[in-house]
Structures are given as C-alpha cells and as structure tokens.
Amino acid sequence: MWQSGDAGFVRQFFQFVRTHPRIGLLVYNQGLRSDGPFRLWRFPAAAGEIRRQLSSRRFLSFAPEQPRPGAIVYISQHARSRVAVP
C-alpha cells in the first residue's frame, strides 16, 4: 500500500490475480519497522479488503507443507528438516 491505501486498488489487484492462473504466490512485505510506512494498520480500508479477498476458497490459509498452529514441530539438527506432529 502507498499513500491513500485505496480499497479499489486492492480489488483491481485481486481481479488481476484471478484472471492470471499462473500466479502462484502473493507476498506483501510490511517492512521491518512496526511504525513503518507500509504497515497495513495505516490503511484500514485496504486491509479490510485484503482480508475479504483472502477469505476466498482460492487462497489457502497455510501452505500445504506448513504445520498448523499448535502442532508440535521437531527440528532435526542433523538433517535440518522439520517434522510436524498433528
């Protein structure tokens, strides 16, 4: 988001995503600073629209290989692999 945080821009962006099926990943970087200019709390209308758009069944809440919140994750120091226990 930049300056006005227009929810209309967010709708146009997600319309573009819906019409381009090869898009496989969406990333929004809010920056390192908690008071930075790109934090979504600065743009409540846009943040609400992003939330609404992401609630669509098209978008996963978590990556399939990502353990769900609350899962116990063991990290092997030898293999450096993660194993989730449901």
PDB file of N, CA and C in Angstrom:
ATOM      1  N   MET A   1       0.845  -1.170   0.000  1.00  0.00           N
ATOM      2  CA  MET A   1       0.000   0.000   0.000  1.00  0.00           C
ATOM      3  C   MET A   1       0.890   1.231   0.000  1.00  0.00           C
ATOM      4  N   TRP A   2       0.354   2.261  -0.578  1.00  0.00           N
ATOM      5  CA  TRP A   2       1.105   3.505  -0.632  1.00  0.00           C
ATOM      6  C   TRP A   2       0.123   4.663  -0.589  1.00  0.00           C
ATOM      7  N   GLN A   3       0.411   5.630   0.183  1.00  0.00           N
ATOM      8  CA  GLN A   3      -0.350   6.867   0.348  1.00  0.00           C
ATOM      9  C   GLN A   3      -1.793   6.627   0.777  1.00  0.00           C
ATOM     10  N   SER A   4      -2.745   6.517  -0.143  1.00  0.00           N
ATOM     11  CA  SER A   4      -4.153   6.503   0.254  1.00  0.00           C
ATOM     12  C   SER A   4      -4.644   5.139   0.727  1.00  0.00           C
ATOM     13  N   GLY A   5      -4.000   4.047   0.327  1.00  0.00           N
ATOM     14  CA  GLY A   5      -4.474   2.720   0.716  1.00  0.00           C
ATOM     15  C   GLY A   5      -5.843   2.421   0.143  1.00  0.00           C
ATOM     16  N   ASP A   6      -6.045   2.750  -1.104  1.00  0.00           N
ATOM     17  CA  ASP A   6      -7.334   2.628  -1.783  1.00  0.00           C
ATOM     18  C   ASP A   6      -7.797   1.175  -1.883  1.00  0.00           C
ATOM     19  N   ALA A   7      -8.964   0.884  -1.325  1.00  0.00           N
ATOM     20  CA  ALA A   7      -9.528  -0.470  -1.399  1.00  0.00           C
ATOM     21  C   ALA A   7      -9.855  -0.847  -2.845  1.00  0.00           C
ATOM     22  N   GLY A   8     -10.139   0.133  -3.693  1.00  0.00           N
ATOM     23  CA  GLY A   8     -10.393  -0.130  -5.102  1.00  0.00           C
ATOM     24  C   GLY A   8      -9.173  -0.711  -5.798  1.00  0.00           C
ATOM     25  N   PHE A   9      -8.001  -0.218  -5.438  1.00  0.00           N
ATOM     26  CA  PHE A   9      -6.766  -0.778  -5.988  1.00  0.00           C
ATOM     27  C   PHE A   9      -6.628  -2.245  -5.592  1.00  0.00           C
ATOM     28  N   VAL A  10      -6.949  -2.557  -4.341  1.00  0.00           N
ATOM     29  CA  VAL A  10      -6.861  -3.939  -3.858  1.00  0.00           C
ATOM     30  C   VAL A  10      -7.810  -4.830  -4.660  1.00  0.00           C
ATOM     31  N   ARG A  11      -9.031  -4.367  -4.891  1.00  0.00           N
ATOM     32  CA  ARG A  11      -9.977  -5.149  -5.695  1.00  0.00           C
ATOM     33  C   ARG A  11      -9.452  -5.379  -7.108  1.00  0.00           C
ATOM     34  N   GLN A  12      -8.888  -4.344  -7.731  1.00  0.00           N
ATOM     35  CA  GLN A  12      -8.312  -4.484  -9.072  1.00  0.00           C
ATOM     36  C   GLN A  12      -7.149  -5.471  -9.066  1.00  0.00           C
ATOM     37  N   PHE A  13      -6.321  -5.391  -8.050  1.00  0.00           N
ATOM     38  CA  PHE A  13      -5.180  -6.295  -7.941  1.00  0.00           C
ATOM     39  C   PHE A  13      -5.649  -7.752  -7.859  1.00  0.00           C
ATOM     40  N   PHE A  14      -6.623  -8.033  -7.001  1.00  0.00           N
ATOM     41  CA  PHE A  14      -7.107  -9.400  -6.859  1.00  0.00           C
ATOM     42  C   PHE A  14      -7.870  -9.860  -8.100  1.00  0.00           C
ATOM     43  N   GLN A  15      -8.501  -8.947  -8.816  1.00  0.00           N
ATOM     44  CA  GLN A  15      -9.125  -9.299 -10.090  1.00  0.00           C
ATOM     45  C   GLN A  15      -8.044  -9.741 -11.078  1.00  0.00           C
ATOM     46  N   PHE A  16      -6.930  -9.035 -11.104  1.00  0.00           N
ATOM     47  CA  PHE A  16      -5.799  -9.422 -11.951  1.00  0.00           C
ATOM     48  C   PHE A  16      -5.307 -10.820 -11.576  1.00  0.00           C
ATOM     49  N   VAL A  17      -5.182 -11.073 -10.274  1.00  0.00           N
ATOM     50  CA  VAL A  17      -4.732 -12.388  -9.802  1.00  0.00           C
ATOM     51  C   VAL A  17      -5.703 -13.479 -10.245  1.00  0.00           C
ATOM     52  N   ARG A  18      -7.003 -13.226 -10.128  1.00  0.00           N
ATOM     53  CA  ARG A  18      -7.999 -14.229 -10.524  1.00  0.00           C
ATOM     54  C   ARG A  18      -7.955 -14.527 -12.020  1.00  0.00           C
ATOM     55  N   THR A  19      -7.600 -13.548 -12.835  1.00  0.00           N
ATOM     56  CA  THR A  19      -7.594 -13.751 -14.283  1.00  0.00           C
ATOM     57  C   THR A  19      -6.241 -14.210 -14.824  1.00  0.00           C
ATOM     58  N   HIS A  20      -5.273 -14.411 -13.948  1.00  0.00           N
ATOM     59  CA  HIS A  20      -3.952 -14.896 -14.353  1.00  0.00           C
ATOM     60  C   HIS A  20      -3.609 -16.130 -13.508  1.00  0.00           C
ATOM     61  N   PRO A  21      -4.087 -17.312 -13.937  1.00  0.00           N
ATOM     62  CA  PRO A  21      -3.964 -18.521 -13.120  1.00  0.00           C
ATOM     63  C   PRO A  21      -2.525 -18.982 -12.872  1.00  0.00           C
ATOM     64  N   ARG A  22      -1.571 -18.466 -13.600  1.00  0.00           N
ATOM     65  CA  ARG A  22      -0.182 -18.885 -13.368  1.00  0.00           C
ATOM     66  C   ARG A  22       0.427 -18.229 -12.133  1.00  0.00           C
ATOM     67  N   ILE A  23      -0.246 -17.249 -11.568  1.00  0.00           N
ATOM     68  CA  ILE A  23       0.249 -16.630 -10.332  1.00  0.00           C
ATOM     69  C   ILE A  23       0.129 -17.661  -9.225  1.00  0.00           C
ATOM     70  N   GLY A  24       1.235 -17.963  -8.580  1.00  0.00           N
ATOM     71  CA  GLY A  24       1.240 -18.996  -7.554  1.00  0.00           C
ATOM     72  C   GLY A  24       1.556 -18.499  -6.156  1.00  0.00           C
ATOM     73  N   LEU A  25       1.911 -17.230  -6.029  1.00  0.00           N
ATOM     74  CA  LEU A  25       2.313 -16.729  -4.719  1.00  0.00           C
ATOM     75  C   LEU A  25       2.046 -15.228  -4.652  1.00  0.00           C
ATOM     76  N   LEU A  26       1.469 -14.795  -3.540  1.00  0.00           N
ATOM     77  CA  LEU A  26       1.284 -13.379  -3.265  1.00  0.00           C
ATOM     78  C   LEU A  26       2.047 -13.052  -1.987  1.00  0.00           C
ATOM     79  N   VAL A  27       2.798 -11.982  -2.010  1.00  0.00           N
ATOM     80  CA  VAL A  27       3.578 -11.579  -0.834  1.00  0.00           C
ATOM     81  C   VAL A  27       3.391 -10.088  -0.625  1.00  0.00           C
ATOM     82  N   TYR A  28       3.135  -9.694   0.617  1.00  0.00           N
ATOM     83  CA  TYR A  28       3.107  -8.278   0.964  1.00  0.00           C
ATOM     84  C   TYR A  28       4.091  -8.084   2.099  1.00  0.00           C
ATOM     85  N   ASN A  29       5.107  -7.308   1.868  1.00  0.00           N
ATOM     86  CA  ASN A  29       6.139  -7.045   2.861  1.00  0.00           C
ATOM     87  C   ASN A  29       5.809  -5.735   3.561  1.00  0.00           C
ATOM     88  N   GLN A  30       5.515  -5.799   4.852  1.00  0.00           N
ATOM     89  CA  GLN A  30       5.178  -4.599   5.622  1.00  0.00           C
ATOM     90  C   GLN A  30       6.413  -3.875   6.133  1.00  0.00           C
ATOM     91  N   GLY A  31       7.580  -4.429   5.882  1.00  0.00           N
ATOM     92  CA  GLY A  31       8.808  -3.804   6.348  1.00  0.00           C
ATOM     93  C   GLY A  31       9.178  -4.246   7.750  1.00  0.00           C
ATOM     94  N   LEU A  32      10.351  -3.839   8.166  1.00  0.00           N
ATOM     95  CA  LEU A  32      10.882  -4.268   9.458  1.00  0.00           C
ATOM     96  C   LEU A  32      10.333  -3.445  10.624  1.00  0.00           C
ATOM     97  N   ARG A  33      10.145  -2.173  10.412  1.00  0.00           N
ATOM     98  CA  ARG A  33       9.718  -1.292  11.499  1.00  0.00           C
ATOM     99  C   ARG A  33       8.224  -1.434  11.779  1.00  0.00           C
ATOM    100  N   SER A  34       7.862  -1.513  13.047  1.00  0.00           N
ATOM    101  CA  SER A  34       6.448  -1.636  13.414  1.00  0.00           C
ATOM    102  C   SER A  34       5.658  -0.363  13.118  1.00  0.00           C
ATOM    103  N   ASP A  35       6.347   0.763  12.957  1.00  0.00           N
ATOM    104  CA  ASP A  35       5.673   2.021  12.624  1.00  0.00           C
ATOM    105  C   ASP A  35       5.994   2.469  11.199  1.00  0.00           C
ATOM    106  N   GLY A  36       6.436   1.539  10.374  1.00  0.00           N
ATOM    107  CA  GLY A  36       6.855   1.852   9.010  1.00  0.00           C
ATOM    108  C   GLY A  36       5.708   2.293   8.107  1.00  0.00           C
ATOM    109  N   PRO A  37       6.047   2.884   6.983  1.00  0.00           N
ATOM    110  CA  PRO A  37       5.026   3.451   6.088  1.00  0.00           C
ATOM    111  C   PRO A  37       4.179   2.417   5.355  1.00  0.00           C
ATOM    112  N   PHE A  38       4.581   1.160   5.356  1.00  0.00           N
ATOM    113  CA  PHE A  38       3.845   0.136   4.612  1.00  0.00           C
ATOM    114  C   PHE A  38       2.996  -0.763   5.500  1.00  0.00           C
ATOM    115  N   ARG A  39       2.932  -0.492   6.797  1.00  0.00           N
ATOM    116  CA  ARG A  39       2.134  -1.305   7.709  1.00  0.00           C
ATOM    117  C   ARG A  39       0.661  -1.191   7.365  1.00  0.00           C
ATOM    118  N   LEU A  40      -0.029  -2.320   7.319  1.00  0.00           N
ATOM    119  CA  LEU A  40      -1.430  -2.323   6.903  1.00  0.00           C
ATOM    120  C   LEU A  40      -2.349  -1.596   7.877  1.00  0.00           C
ATOM    121  N   TRP A  41      -1.963  -1.466   9.146  1.00  0.00           N
ATOM    122  CA  TRP A  41      -2.825  -0.732  10.083  1.00  0.00           C
ATOM    123  C   TRP A  41      -2.979   0.720   9.665  1.00  0.00           C
ATOM    124  N   ARG A  42      -2.086   1.216   8.830  1.00  0.00           N
ATOM    125  CA  ARG A  42      -2.190   2.588   8.331  1.00  0.00           C
ATOM    126  C   ARG A  42      -3.289   2.732   7.268  1.00  0.00           C
ATOM    127  N   PHE A  43      -3.735   1.602   6.710  1.00  0.00           N
ATOM    128  CA  PHE A  43      -4.685   1.606   5.598  1.00  0.00           C
ATOM    129  C   PHE A  43      -5.861   0.689   5.921  1.00  0.00           C
ATOM    130  N   PRO A  44      -6.743   1.080   6.842  1.00  0.00           N
ATOM    131  CA  PRO A  44      -7.801   0.179   7.300  1.00  0.00           C
ATOM    132  C   PRO A  44      -8.741  -0.295   6.193  1.00  0.00           C
ATOM    133  N   ALA A  45      -9.081   0.563   5.243  1.00  0.00           N
ATOM    134  CA  ALA A  45      -9.985   0.147   4.162  1.00  0.00           C
ATOM    135  C   ALA A  45      -9.314  -0.907   3.282  1.00  0.00           C
ATOM    136  N   ALA A  46      -8.061  -0.665   2.932  1.00  0.00           N
ATOM    137  CA  ALA A  46      -7.326  -1.622   2.103  1.00  0.00           C
ATOM    138  C   ALA A  46      -7.097  -2.924   2.864  1.00  0.00           C
ATOM    139  N   ALA A  47      -6.757  -2.836   4.144  1.00  0.00           N
ATOM    140  CA  ALA A  47      -6.523  -4.043   4.949  1.00  0.00           C
ATOM    141  C   ALA A  47      -7.792  -4.885   5.037  1.00  0.00           C
ATOM    142  N   GLY A  48      -8.938  -4.231   5.216  1.00  0.00           N
ATOM    143  CA  GLY A  48     -10.205  -4.959   5.265  1.00  0.00           C
ATOM    144  C   GLY A  48     -10.508  -5.646   3.946  1.00  0.00           C
ATOM    145  N   GLU A  49     -10.223  -4.965   2.846  1.00  0.00           N
ATOM    146  CA  GLU A  49     -10.459  -5.562   1.524  1.00  0.00           C
ATOM    147  C   GLU A  49      -9.508  -6.725   1.262  1.00  0.00           C
ATOM    148  N   ILE A  50      -8.258  -6.597   1.680  1.00  0.00           N
ATOM    149  CA  ILE A  50      -7.310  -7.709   1.553  1.00  0.00           C
ATOM    150  C   ILE A  50      -7.823  -8.904   2.341  1.00  0.00           C
ATOM    151  N   ARG A  51      -8.258  -8.665   3.578  1.00  0.00           N
ATOM    152  CA  ARG A  51      -8.802  -9.735   4.411  1.00  0.00           C
ATOM    153  C   ARG A  51      -9.993 -10.404   3.723  1.00  0.00           C
ATOM    154  N   ARG A  52     -10.897  -9.600   3.173  1.00  0.00           N
ATOM    155  CA  ARG A  52     -12.075 -10.129   2.488  1.00  0.00           C
ATOM    156  C   ARG A  52     -11.682 -10.946   1.263  1.00  0.00           C
ATOM    157  N   GLN A  53     -10.767 -10.442   0.474  1.00  0.00           N
ATOM    158  CA  GLN A  53     -10.329 -11.153  -0.729  1.00  0.00           C
ATOM    159  C   GLN A  53      -9.626 -12.471  -0.379  1.00  0.00           C
ATOM    160  N   LEU A  54      -8.805 -12.445   0.656  1.00  0.00           N
ATOM    161  CA  LEU A  54      -8.064 -13.655   1.038  1.00  0.00           C
ATOM    162  C   LEU A  54      -8.950 -14.712   1.679  1.00  0.00           C
ATOM    163  N   SER A  55     -10.158 -14.344   2.089  1.00  0.00           N
ATOM    164  CA  SER A  55     -11.060 -15.331   2.686  1.00  0.00           C
ATOM    165  C   SER A  55     -11.681 -16.237   1.626  1.00  0.00           C
ATOM    166  N   SER A  56     -11.448 -15.931   0.360  1.00  0.00           N
ATOM    167  CA  SER A  56     -11.950 -16.764  -0.738  1.00  0.00           C
ATOM    168  C   SER A  56     -11.337 -18.163  -0.665  1.00  0.00           C
ATOM    169  N   ARG A  57     -12.074 -19.141  -1.141  1.00  0.00           N
ATOM    170  CA  ARG A  57     -11.569 -20.526  -1.148  1.00  0.00           C
ATOM    171  C   ARG A  57     -10.362 -20.684  -2.062  1.00  0.00           C
ATOM    172  N   ARG A  58     -10.137 -19.736  -2.934  1.00  0.00           N
ATOM    173  CA  ARG A  58      -8.991 -19.797  -3.847  1.00  0.00           C
ATOM    174  C   ARG A  58      -7.666 -19.745  -3.091  1.00  0.00           C
ATOM    175  N   PHE A  59      -7.651 -19.073  -1.955  1.00  0.00           N
ATOM    176  CA  PHE A  59      -6.413 -18.862  -1.211  1.00  0.00           C
ATOM    177  C   PHE A  59      -6.369 -19.755   0.023  1.00  0.00           C
ATOM    178  N   LEU A  60      -5.256 -20.451   0.195  1.00  0.00           N
ATOM    179  CA  LEU A  60      -5.069 -21.315   1.359  1.00  0.00           C
ATOM    180  C   LEU A  60      -4.699 -20.474   2.573  1.00  0.00           C
ATOM    181  N   SER A  61      -5.121 -20.905   3.740  1.00  0.00           N
ATOM    182  CA  SER A  61      -4.723 -20.221   4.967  1.00  0.00           C
ATOM    183  C   SER A  61      -3.264 -20.494   5.293  1.00  0.00           C
ATOM    184  N   PHE A  62      -2.825 -21.706   4.942  1.00  0.00           N
ATOM    185  CA  PHE A  62      -1.447 -22.123   5.199  1.00  0.00           C
ATOM    186  C   PHE A  62      -0.943 -22.898   4.003  1.00  0.00           C
ATOM    187  N   ALA A  63       0.345 -22.858   3.771  1.00  0.00           N
ATOM    188  CA  ALA A  63       0.931 -23.702   2.731  1.00  0.00           C
ATOM    189  C   ALA A  63       0.709 -25.158   3.127  1.00  0.00           C
ATOM    190  N   PRO A  64       0.443 -26.044   2.157  1.00  0.00           N
ATOM    191  CA  PRO A  64       0.136 -27.444   2.485  1.00  0.00           C
ATOM    192  C   PRO A  64       1.214 -28.112   3.339  1.00  0.00           C
ATOM    193  N   GLU A  65       2.467 -27.754   3.127  1.00  0.00           N
ATOM    194  CA  GLU A  65       3.543 -28.388   3.893  1.00  0.00           C
ATOM    195  C   GLU A  65       3.799 -27.705   5.227  1.00  0.00           C
ATOM    196  N   GLN A  66       3.135 -26.598   5.483  1.00  0.00           N
ATOM    197  CA  GLN A  66       3.330 -25.848   6.716  1.00  0.00           C
ATOM    198  C   GLN A  66       2.496 -26.464   7.838  1.00  0.00           C
ATOM    199  N   PRO A  67       3.090 -26.723   8.996  1.00  0.00           N
ATOM    200  CA  PRO A  67       2.300 -27.267  10.107  1.00  0.00           C
ATOM    201  C   PRO A  67       1.253 -26.259  10.575  1.00  0.00           C
ATOM    202  N   ARG A  68       0.134 -26.761  11.015  1.00  0.00           N
ATOM    203  CA  ARG A  68      -0.949 -25.921  11.523  1.00  0.00           C
ATOM    204  C   ARG A  68      -0.549 -25.316  12.867  1.00  0.00           C
ATOM    205  N   PRO A  69      -1.137 -24.178  13.215  1.00  0.00           N
ATOM    206  CA  PRO A  69      -0.838 -23.587  14.531  1.00  0.00           C
ATOM    207  C   PRO A  69      -1.162 -24.583  15.641  1.00  0.00           C
ATOM    208  N   GLY A  70      -0.293 -24.652  16.612  1.00  0.00           N
ATOM    209  CA  GLY A  70      -0.499 -25.565  17.730  1.00  0.00           C
ATOM    210  C   GLY A  70       0.138 -26.927  17.517  1.00  0.00           C
ATOM    211  N   ALA A  71       0.593 -27.219  16.283  1.00  0.00           N
ATOM    212  CA  ALA A  71       1.248 -28.506  16.032  1.00  0.00           C
ATOM    213  C   ALA A  71       2.624 -28.493  16.680  1.00  0.00           C
ATOM    214  N   ILE A  72       3.043 -29.639  17.125  1.00  0.00           N
ATOM    215  CA  ILE A  72       4.369 -29.780  17.701  1.00  0.00           C
ATOM    216  C   ILE A  72       5.335 -30.040  16.554  1.00  0.00           C
ATOM    217  N   VAL A  73       6.377 -29.239  16.463  1.00  0.00           N
ATOM    218  CA  VAL A  73       7.334 -29.361  15.366  1.00  0.00           C
ATOM    219  C   VAL A  73       8.688 -29.739  15.939  1.00  0.00           C
ATOM    220  N   TYR A  74       9.248 -30.819  15.419  1.00  0.00           N
ATOM    221  CA  TYR A  74      10.587 -31.249  15.803  1.00  0.00           C
ATOM    222  C   TYR A  74      11.552 -30.851  14.700  1.00  0.00           C
ATOM    223  N   ILE A  75      12.668 -30.250  15.065  1.00  0.00           N
ATOM    224  CA  ILE A  75      13.671 -29.870  14.083  1.00  0.00           C
ATOM    225  C   ILE A  75      14.907 -30.719  14.328  1.00  0.00           C
ATOM    226  N   SER A  76      15.237 -31.527  13.351  1.00  0.00           N
ATOM    227  CA  SER A  76      16.408 -32.386  13.443  1.00  0.00           C
ATOM    228  C   SER A  76      17.657 -31.550  13.195  1.00  0.00           C
ATOM    229  N   GLN A  77      18.599 -31.584  14.118  1.00  0.00           N
ATOM    230  CA  GLN A  77      19.829 -30.817  13.940  1.00  0.00           C
ATOM    231  C   GLN A  77      20.712 -31.438  12.860  1.00  0.00           C
ATOM    232  N   HIS A  78      20.572 -32.746  12.654  1.00  0.00           N
ATOM    233  CA  HIS A  78      21.418 -33.412  11.663  1.00  0.00           C
ATOM    234  C   HIS A  78      20.896 -33.179  10.252  1.00  0.00           C
ATOM    235  N   ALA A  79      19.640 -33.410  10.057  1.00  0.00           N
ATOM    236  CA  ALA A  79      19.064 -33.312   8.715  1.00  0.00           C
ATOM    237  C   ALA A  79      18.558 -31.907   8.417  1.00  0.00           C
ATOM    238  N   ARG A  80      18.414 -31.080   9.461  1.00  0.00           N
ATOM    239  CA  ARG A  80      17.855 -29.743   9.313  1.00  0.00           C
ATOM    240  C   ARG A  80      16.474 -29.780   8.652  1.00  0.00           C
ATOM    241  N   SER A  81      15.721 -30.808   8.983  1.00  0.00           N
ATOM    242  CA  SER A  81      14.378 -30.918   8.423  1.00  0.00           C
ATOM    243  C   SER A  81      13.355 -30.734   9.540  1.00  0.00           C
ATOM    244  N   ARG A  82      12.166 -30.328   9.146  1.00  0.00           N
ATOM    245  CA  ARG A  82      11.091 -30.114  10.102  1.00  0.00           C
ATOM    246  C   ARG A  82      10.082 -31.238   9.955  1.00  0.00           C
ATOM    247  N   VAL A  83       9.653 -31.767  11.059  1.00  0.00           N
ATOM    248  CA  VAL A  83       8.632 -32.815  11.064  1.00  0.00           C
ATOM    249  C   VAL A  83       7.523 -32.343  11.965  1.00  0.00           C
ATOM    250  N   ALA A  84       6.331 -32.214  11.403  1.00  0.00           N
ATOM    251  CA  ALA A  84       5.192 -31.767  12.188  1.00  0.00           C
ATOM    252  C   ALA A  84       4.427 -32.971  12.700  1.00  0.00           C
ATOM    253  N   VAL A  85       4.008 -32.875  13.935  1.00  0.00           N
ATOM    254  CA  VAL A  85       3.185 -33.909  14.537  1.00  0.00           C
ATOM    255  C   VAL A  85       1.805 -33.325  14.708  1.00  0.00           C
ATOM    256  N   PRO A  86       0.800 -33.869  13.999  1.00  0.00           N
ATOM    257  CA  PRO A  86      -0.540 -33.284  14.087  1.00  0.00           C
ATOM    258  C   PRO A  86      -1.150 -33.408  15.462  1.00  0.00           C
TER     259      PRO A  86
END
